[in-house]
């Protein structure tokens, strides 16, 4: 559905968003219940990826998304509001990020499909 002003709004939800973040520091955790190595019960696990509930998860997810959007030509015009803008060949695409939800607004449906395709190739998305 096209808005009255001709803009095309679309909402997307990134599945397992916080599992997409790469950790930039060493993080360790106790062996989880049910998965304790009986040979080494006091050993800890070093995490290579973020997990749900990990305090670094949202930050690492946002950093990965930020890198991706910038690689697609977007400018982060308001870091506090997580607002991105791309102008390309007369098209305007705006991406607003809220945790793991993305709101896409563009001047045409073709522009929406272009960025949605790029996002689908990089992340697991529910649209």
N, C-alpha and C. Protein backbone atom coordinates (compact mmCIF):
# COMPACT_ATOMS: atom_id res chain seq x y z
N UNK A 1 0.84 -1.18 0.00
CA UNK A 1 0.00 0.00 0.00
C UNK A 1 0.88 1.24 0.00
N UNK A 2 0.68 2.10 -0.93
CA UNK A 2 1.43 3.34 -1.03
C UNK A 2 0.75 4.41 -0.18
N UNK A 3 1.58 5.12 0.59
CA UNK A 3 1.05 6.21 1.40
C UNK A 3 0.57 7.33 0.48
N UNK A 4 -0.24 8.21 1.01
CA UNK A 4 -0.82 9.30 0.21
C UNK A 4 0.24 10.17 -0.44
N UNK A 5 1.40 10.28 0.18
CA UNK A 5 2.45 11.13 -0.38
C UNK A 5 3.35 10.38 -1.36
N UNK A 6 3.04 9.12 -1.68
CA UNK A 6 3.81 8.36 -2.64
C UNK A 6 4.92 7.51 -2.04
N UNK A 7 5.19 7.65 -0.75
CA UNK A 7 6.25 6.88 -0.10
C UNK A 7 5.77 5.47 0.18
N UNK A 8 6.69 4.53 0.18
CA UNK A 8 6.40 3.12 0.41
C UNK A 8 6.96 2.69 1.77
N UNK A 9 6.14 2.58 2.82
CA UNK A 9 6.66 2.12 4.11
C UNK A 9 6.59 0.59 4.22
N UNK A 10 7.61 -0.03 4.81
CA UNK A 10 7.64 -1.47 5.05
C UNK A 10 8.34 -1.71 6.38
N UNK A 11 7.85 -2.71 7.11
CA UNK A 11 8.48 -3.07 8.37
C UNK A 11 9.10 -4.44 8.22
N UNK A 12 10.28 -4.63 8.81
CA UNK A 12 10.98 -5.91 8.77
C UNK A 12 11.45 -6.25 10.16
N UNK A 13 11.52 -7.53 10.45
CA UNK A 13 11.97 -8.02 11.74
C UNK A 13 13.14 -8.96 11.49
N UNK A 14 14.28 -8.70 12.14
CA UNK A 14 15.45 -9.55 11.95
C UNK A 14 15.38 -10.68 12.96
N UNK A 15 15.27 -11.91 12.45
CA UNK A 15 15.25 -13.09 13.31
C UNK A 15 16.64 -13.28 13.91
N UNK A 16 16.69 -13.69 15.13
CA UNK A 16 17.94 -13.98 15.84
C UNK A 16 18.95 -12.83 15.70
N UNK A 17 18.47 -11.60 15.77
CA UNK A 17 19.34 -10.44 15.59
C UNK A 17 20.54 -10.47 16.51
N UNK A 18 20.32 -10.75 17.78
CA UNK A 18 21.42 -10.68 18.73
C UNK A 18 22.41 -11.82 18.55
N UNK A 19 22.06 -12.84 17.77
CA UNK A 19 23.00 -13.91 17.49
C UNK A 19 23.88 -13.57 16.29
N UNK A 20 23.64 -12.44 15.65
CA UNK A 20 24.44 -12.01 14.51
C UNK A 20 25.67 -11.22 14.92
N UNK A 21 25.75 -10.82 16.15
CA UNK A 21 26.86 -9.97 16.57
C UNK A 21 28.12 -10.75 16.85
N UNK A 22 29.24 -10.25 16.34
CA UNK A 22 30.55 -10.82 16.65
C UNK A 22 31.09 -10.07 17.86
N UNK A 23 31.62 -10.81 18.82
CA UNK A 23 32.15 -10.18 20.03
C UNK A 23 33.50 -9.54 19.72
N UNK A 24 33.72 -8.35 20.26
CA UNK A 24 35.00 -7.67 20.07
C UNK A 24 35.86 -7.73 21.33
N UNK A 25 35.47 -8.56 22.25
CA UNK A 25 36.23 -8.76 23.48
C UNK A 25 36.06 -10.21 23.90
N UNK A 26 36.93 -10.68 24.78
CA UNK A 26 36.81 -12.06 25.26
C UNK A 26 35.72 -12.14 26.32
N UNK A 27 34.77 -13.07 26.13
CA UNK A 27 33.68 -13.27 27.07
C UNK A 27 33.63 -14.76 27.41
N UNK A 28 33.56 -15.06 28.70
CA UNK A 28 33.52 -16.44 29.15
C UNK A 28 32.25 -16.68 29.94
N UNK A 29 31.78 -17.93 29.97
CA UNK A 29 30.61 -18.28 30.75
C UNK A 29 30.80 -19.67 31.34
N UNK A 30 30.09 -19.92 32.41
CA UNK A 30 30.11 -21.26 33.00
C UNK A 30 29.46 -22.23 32.03
N UNK A 31 29.81 -23.51 32.14
CA UNK A 31 29.17 -24.51 31.31
C UNK A 31 27.69 -24.56 31.67
N UNK A 32 26.81 -24.52 30.68
CA UNK A 32 25.37 -24.53 30.97
C UNK A 32 24.90 -25.87 31.54
N UNK A 33 23.88 -25.81 32.40
CA UNK A 33 23.30 -27.03 32.97
C UNK A 33 22.90 -27.97 31.85
N UNK A 34 23.20 -29.25 32.03
CA UNK A 34 22.86 -30.25 31.03
C UNK A 34 23.94 -30.43 29.98
N UNK A 35 24.93 -29.52 29.94
CA UNK A 35 26.01 -29.61 28.97
C UNK A 35 27.38 -29.55 29.64
N UNK A 36 27.43 -29.93 30.90
CA UNK A 36 28.68 -29.88 31.65
C UNK A 36 29.54 -31.08 31.24
N UNK A 37 30.80 -30.79 30.89
CA UNK A 37 31.76 -31.84 30.55
C UNK A 37 32.20 -32.49 31.85
N UNK A 38 31.82 -33.73 32.07
CA UNK A 38 32.11 -34.41 33.33
C UNK A 38 33.61 -34.59 33.56
N UNK A 39 34.40 -34.60 32.50
CA UNK A 39 35.85 -34.71 32.65
C UNK A 39 36.44 -33.41 33.17
N UNK A 40 35.86 -32.29 32.75
CA UNK A 40 36.35 -30.96 33.16
C UNK A 40 35.18 -30.11 33.66
N UNK A 41 34.57 -30.46 34.77
CA UNK A 41 33.36 -29.74 35.21
C UNK A 41 33.61 -28.29 35.64
N UNK A 42 34.86 -27.94 35.95
CA UNK A 42 35.15 -26.58 36.40
C UNK A 42 35.63 -25.66 35.29
N UNK A 43 35.74 -26.18 34.09
CA UNK A 43 36.18 -25.36 32.95
C UNK A 43 35.06 -24.41 32.55
N UNK A 44 35.44 -23.31 31.90
CA UNK A 44 34.47 -22.34 31.40
C UNK A 44 34.49 -22.36 29.87
N UNK A 45 33.48 -21.77 29.26
CA UNK A 45 33.37 -21.70 27.81
C UNK A 45 33.70 -20.29 27.35
N UNK A 46 34.52 -20.18 26.29
CA UNK A 46 34.78 -18.88 25.67
C UNK A 46 33.79 -18.71 24.53
N UNK A 47 33.04 -17.61 24.56
CA UNK A 47 32.05 -17.34 23.53
C UNK A 47 32.71 -16.69 22.32
N UNK A 48 32.33 -17.15 21.14
CA UNK A 48 32.82 -16.56 19.90
C UNK A 48 31.77 -15.67 19.26
N UNK A 49 30.50 -15.90 19.60
CA UNK A 49 29.37 -15.11 19.08
C UNK A 49 28.55 -14.64 20.27
N UNK A 50 27.78 -13.59 20.05
CA UNK A 50 26.90 -13.09 21.10
C UNK A 50 25.76 -14.07 21.33
N UNK A 51 25.21 -14.06 22.50
CA UNK A 51 24.06 -14.88 22.87
C UNK A 51 22.94 -13.98 23.37
N UNK A 52 21.70 -14.48 23.29
CA UNK A 52 20.60 -13.76 23.91
C UNK A 52 20.88 -13.66 25.40
N UNK A 53 20.60 -12.51 25.96
CA UNK A 53 20.82 -12.30 27.39
C UNK A 53 22.20 -11.77 27.71
N UNK A 54 23.11 -11.82 26.75
CA UNK A 54 24.44 -11.29 26.96
C UNK A 54 24.40 -9.78 26.82
N UNK A 55 24.97 -9.06 27.78
CA UNK A 55 24.84 -7.61 27.76
C UNK A 55 25.48 -6.98 26.52
N UNK A 56 26.45 -7.66 25.92
CA UNK A 56 27.10 -7.12 24.72
C UNK A 56 26.29 -7.39 23.46
N UNK A 57 25.27 -8.25 23.52
CA UNK A 57 24.51 -8.66 22.35
C UNK A 57 23.94 -7.53 21.52
N UNK A 58 23.16 -6.63 22.12
CA UNK A 58 22.59 -5.54 21.32
C UNK A 58 23.65 -4.64 20.68
N UNK A 59 24.70 -4.35 21.41
CA UNK A 59 25.76 -3.49 20.87
C UNK A 59 26.44 -4.15 19.68
N UNK A 60 26.73 -5.45 19.78
CA UNK A 60 27.41 -6.15 18.70
C UNK A 60 26.50 -6.30 17.48
N UNK A 61 25.20 -6.53 17.72
CA UNK A 61 24.24 -6.61 16.62
C UNK A 61 24.18 -5.28 15.88
N UNK A 62 24.07 -4.19 16.62
CA UNK A 62 23.96 -2.88 15.99
C UNK A 62 25.22 -2.55 15.20
N UNK A 63 26.39 -2.92 15.72
CA UNK A 63 27.65 -2.66 15.01
C UNK A 63 27.67 -3.41 13.68
N UNK A 64 27.20 -4.65 13.67
CA UNK A 64 27.18 -5.43 12.43
C UNK A 64 26.18 -4.84 11.44
N UNK A 65 25.01 -4.44 11.91
CA UNK A 65 24.01 -3.84 11.04
C UNK A 65 24.52 -2.49 10.50
N UNK A 66 25.14 -1.71 11.36
CA UNK A 66 25.70 -0.42 10.96
C UNK A 66 26.73 -0.61 9.84
N UNK A 67 27.63 -1.57 10.01
CA UNK A 67 28.63 -1.85 8.97
C UNK A 67 27.96 -2.25 7.66
N UNK A 68 26.93 -3.10 7.76
CA UNK A 68 26.23 -3.56 6.56
C UNK A 68 25.56 -2.40 5.83
N UNK A 69 24.80 -1.58 6.57
CA UNK A 69 24.10 -0.47 5.93
C UNK A 69 25.08 0.51 5.30
N UNK A 70 26.17 0.79 5.97
CA UNK A 70 27.17 1.70 5.40
C UNK A 70 27.81 1.10 4.15
N UNK A 71 27.98 -0.24 4.13
CA UNK A 71 28.53 -0.89 2.93
C UNK A 71 27.57 -0.80 1.75
N UNK A 72 26.28 -0.60 2.04
CA UNK A 72 25.27 -0.45 0.99
C UNK A 72 25.12 1.00 0.54
N UNK A 73 25.89 1.91 1.16
CA UNK A 73 25.87 3.31 0.76
C UNK A 73 25.04 4.21 1.67
N UNK A 74 24.49 3.68 2.75
CA UNK A 74 23.70 4.48 3.67
C UNK A 74 24.59 5.36 4.52
N UNK A 75 24.09 6.53 4.89
CA UNK A 75 24.72 7.40 5.87
C UNK A 75 23.91 7.34 7.14
N UNK A 76 24.60 7.24 8.27
CA UNK A 76 23.93 7.26 9.57
C UNK A 76 23.73 8.73 9.94
N UNK A 77 22.53 9.25 9.64
CA UNK A 77 22.31 10.68 9.82
C UNK A 77 21.94 11.06 11.25
N UNK A 78 21.55 10.08 12.06
CA UNK A 78 21.26 10.34 13.47
C UNK A 78 21.56 9.09 14.28
N UNK A 79 22.80 8.95 14.78
CA UNK A 79 23.17 7.75 15.53
C UNK A 79 22.28 7.48 16.74
N UNK A 80 21.84 8.53 17.43
CA UNK A 80 21.00 8.33 18.61
C UNK A 80 19.64 7.75 18.23
N UNK A 81 19.12 8.12 17.09
CA UNK A 81 17.83 7.61 16.64
C UNK A 81 17.97 6.40 15.73
N UNK A 82 19.22 5.98 15.44
CA UNK A 82 19.49 4.84 14.55
C UNK A 82 18.79 5.06 13.21
N UNK A 83 19.02 6.20 12.62
CA UNK A 83 18.36 6.60 11.39
C UNK A 83 19.39 6.67 10.26
N UNK A 84 19.09 5.98 9.15
CA UNK A 84 19.98 5.89 8.01
C UNK A 84 19.29 6.44 6.77
N UNK A 85 20.08 7.03 5.87
CA UNK A 85 19.54 7.62 4.65
C UNK A 85 20.43 7.24 3.47
N UNK A 86 19.78 6.88 2.36
CA UNK A 86 20.48 6.61 1.11
C UNK A 86 19.76 7.34 0.00
N UNK A 87 20.49 8.12 -0.77
CA UNK A 87 19.93 8.72 -1.98
C UNK A 87 20.75 8.18 -3.14
N UNK A 88 20.06 7.58 -4.12
CA UNK A 88 20.73 6.91 -5.22
C UNK A 88 19.86 6.97 -6.46
N UNK A 89 20.38 7.52 -7.52
CA UNK A 89 19.65 7.61 -8.80
C UNK A 89 18.25 8.19 -8.63
N UNK A 90 18.13 9.24 -7.84
CA UNK A 90 16.83 9.87 -7.63
C UNK A 90 15.94 9.18 -6.62
N UNK A 91 16.37 8.02 -6.13
CA UNK A 91 15.60 7.29 -5.12
C UNK A 91 16.07 7.71 -3.73
N UNK A 92 15.16 7.71 -2.80
CA UNK A 92 15.49 7.99 -1.40
C UNK A 92 15.01 6.80 -0.59
N UNK A 93 15.90 6.25 0.24
CA UNK A 93 15.55 5.15 1.13
C UNK A 93 15.95 5.56 2.54
N UNK A 94 15.02 5.39 3.47
CA UNK A 94 15.26 5.69 4.88
C UNK A 94 15.09 4.39 5.66
N UNK A 95 16.04 4.11 6.55
CA UNK A 95 15.96 2.94 7.42
C UNK A 95 16.01 3.43 8.86
N UNK A 96 15.00 3.07 9.62
CA UNK A 96 14.95 3.38 11.04
C UNK A 96 15.08 2.06 11.80
N UNK A 97 16.04 1.96 12.70
CA UNK A 97 16.32 0.73 13.43
C UNK A 97 15.81 0.87 14.86
N UNK A 98 15.03 -0.11 15.30
CA UNK A 98 14.59 -0.16 16.69
C UNK A 98 14.83 -1.58 17.18
N UNK A 99 15.88 -1.77 17.95
CA UNK A 99 16.33 -3.05 18.47
C UNK A 99 16.56 -4.01 17.31
N UNK A 100 15.62 -4.89 17.00
CA UNK A 100 15.78 -5.81 15.88
C UNK A 100 14.69 -5.62 14.83
N UNK A 101 13.95 -4.53 14.92
CA UNK A 101 12.96 -4.17 13.91
C UNK A 101 13.53 -3.08 13.01
N UNK A 102 13.22 -3.18 11.74
CA UNK A 102 13.65 -2.16 10.78
C UNK A 102 12.42 -1.60 10.10
N UNK A 103 12.33 -0.30 10.04
CA UNK A 103 11.28 0.36 9.28
C UNK A 103 11.93 0.95 8.04
N UNK A 104 11.48 0.50 6.88
CA UNK A 104 12.01 0.97 5.61
C UNK A 104 10.99 1.89 4.96
N UNK A 105 11.43 3.04 4.53
CA UNK A 105 10.57 3.98 3.81
C UNK A 105 11.35 4.42 2.58
N UNK A 106 10.69 4.37 1.43
CA UNK A 106 11.40 4.74 0.19
C UNK A 106 10.46 5.45 -0.75
N UNK A 107 11.08 6.10 -1.72
CA UNK A 107 10.30 6.85 -2.69
C UNK A 107 9.68 5.95 -3.76
N UNK A 108 10.05 4.66 -3.77
CA UNK A 108 9.43 3.73 -4.72
C UNK A 108 9.49 2.31 -4.17
N UNK A 109 8.60 1.48 -4.68
CA UNK A 109 8.58 0.08 -4.29
C UNK A 109 9.85 -0.62 -4.76
N UNK A 110 10.37 -0.25 -5.90
CA UNK A 110 11.60 -0.86 -6.42
C UNK A 110 12.77 -0.62 -5.46
N UNK A 111 12.84 0.56 -4.88
CA UNK A 111 13.91 0.87 -3.93
C UNK A 111 13.77 0.02 -2.67
N UNK A 112 12.53 -0.18 -2.23
CA UNK A 112 12.28 -1.03 -1.05
C UNK A 112 12.76 -2.45 -1.35
N UNK A 113 12.39 -2.99 -2.51
CA UNK A 113 12.77 -4.36 -2.86
C UNK A 113 14.29 -4.51 -2.96
N UNK A 114 14.95 -3.48 -3.43
CA UNK A 114 16.41 -3.54 -3.56
C UNK A 114 17.07 -3.71 -2.19
N UNK A 115 16.70 -2.88 -1.24
CA UNK A 115 17.32 -2.99 0.09
C UNK A 115 16.83 -4.22 0.83
N UNK A 116 15.57 -4.61 0.63
CA UNK A 116 15.08 -5.83 1.27
C UNK A 116 15.85 -7.05 0.77
N UNK A 117 16.12 -7.10 -0.52
CA UNK A 117 16.90 -8.21 -1.07
C UNK A 117 18.29 -8.26 -0.46
N UNK A 118 18.94 -7.11 -0.34
CA UNK A 118 20.28 -7.06 0.25
C UNK A 118 20.23 -7.51 1.72
N UNK A 119 19.21 -7.07 2.46
CA UNK A 119 19.08 -7.47 3.86
C UNK A 119 18.83 -8.98 3.98
N UNK A 120 17.98 -9.52 3.10
CA UNK A 120 17.69 -10.96 3.12
C UNK A 120 18.94 -11.79 2.83
N UNK A 121 19.81 -11.29 1.97
CA UNK A 121 21.03 -12.02 1.65
C UNK A 121 21.99 -12.05 2.82
N UNK A 122 21.94 -11.03 3.67
CA UNK A 122 22.89 -10.93 4.78
C UNK A 122 22.34 -11.44 6.10
N UNK A 123 21.04 -11.24 6.35
CA UNK A 123 20.43 -11.60 7.63
C UNK A 123 19.17 -12.44 7.40
N UNK A 124 18.77 -13.18 8.42
CA UNK A 124 17.51 -13.90 8.36
C UNK A 124 16.41 -12.93 8.79
N UNK A 125 15.54 -12.62 7.85
CA UNK A 125 14.54 -11.55 8.04
C UNK A 125 13.13 -12.09 7.92
N UNK A 126 12.25 -11.59 8.77
CA UNK A 126 10.79 -11.79 8.61
C UNK A 126 10.25 -10.49 8.10
N UNK A 127 9.59 -10.53 6.97
CA UNK A 127 9.06 -9.29 6.39
C UNK A 127 7.55 -9.27 6.47
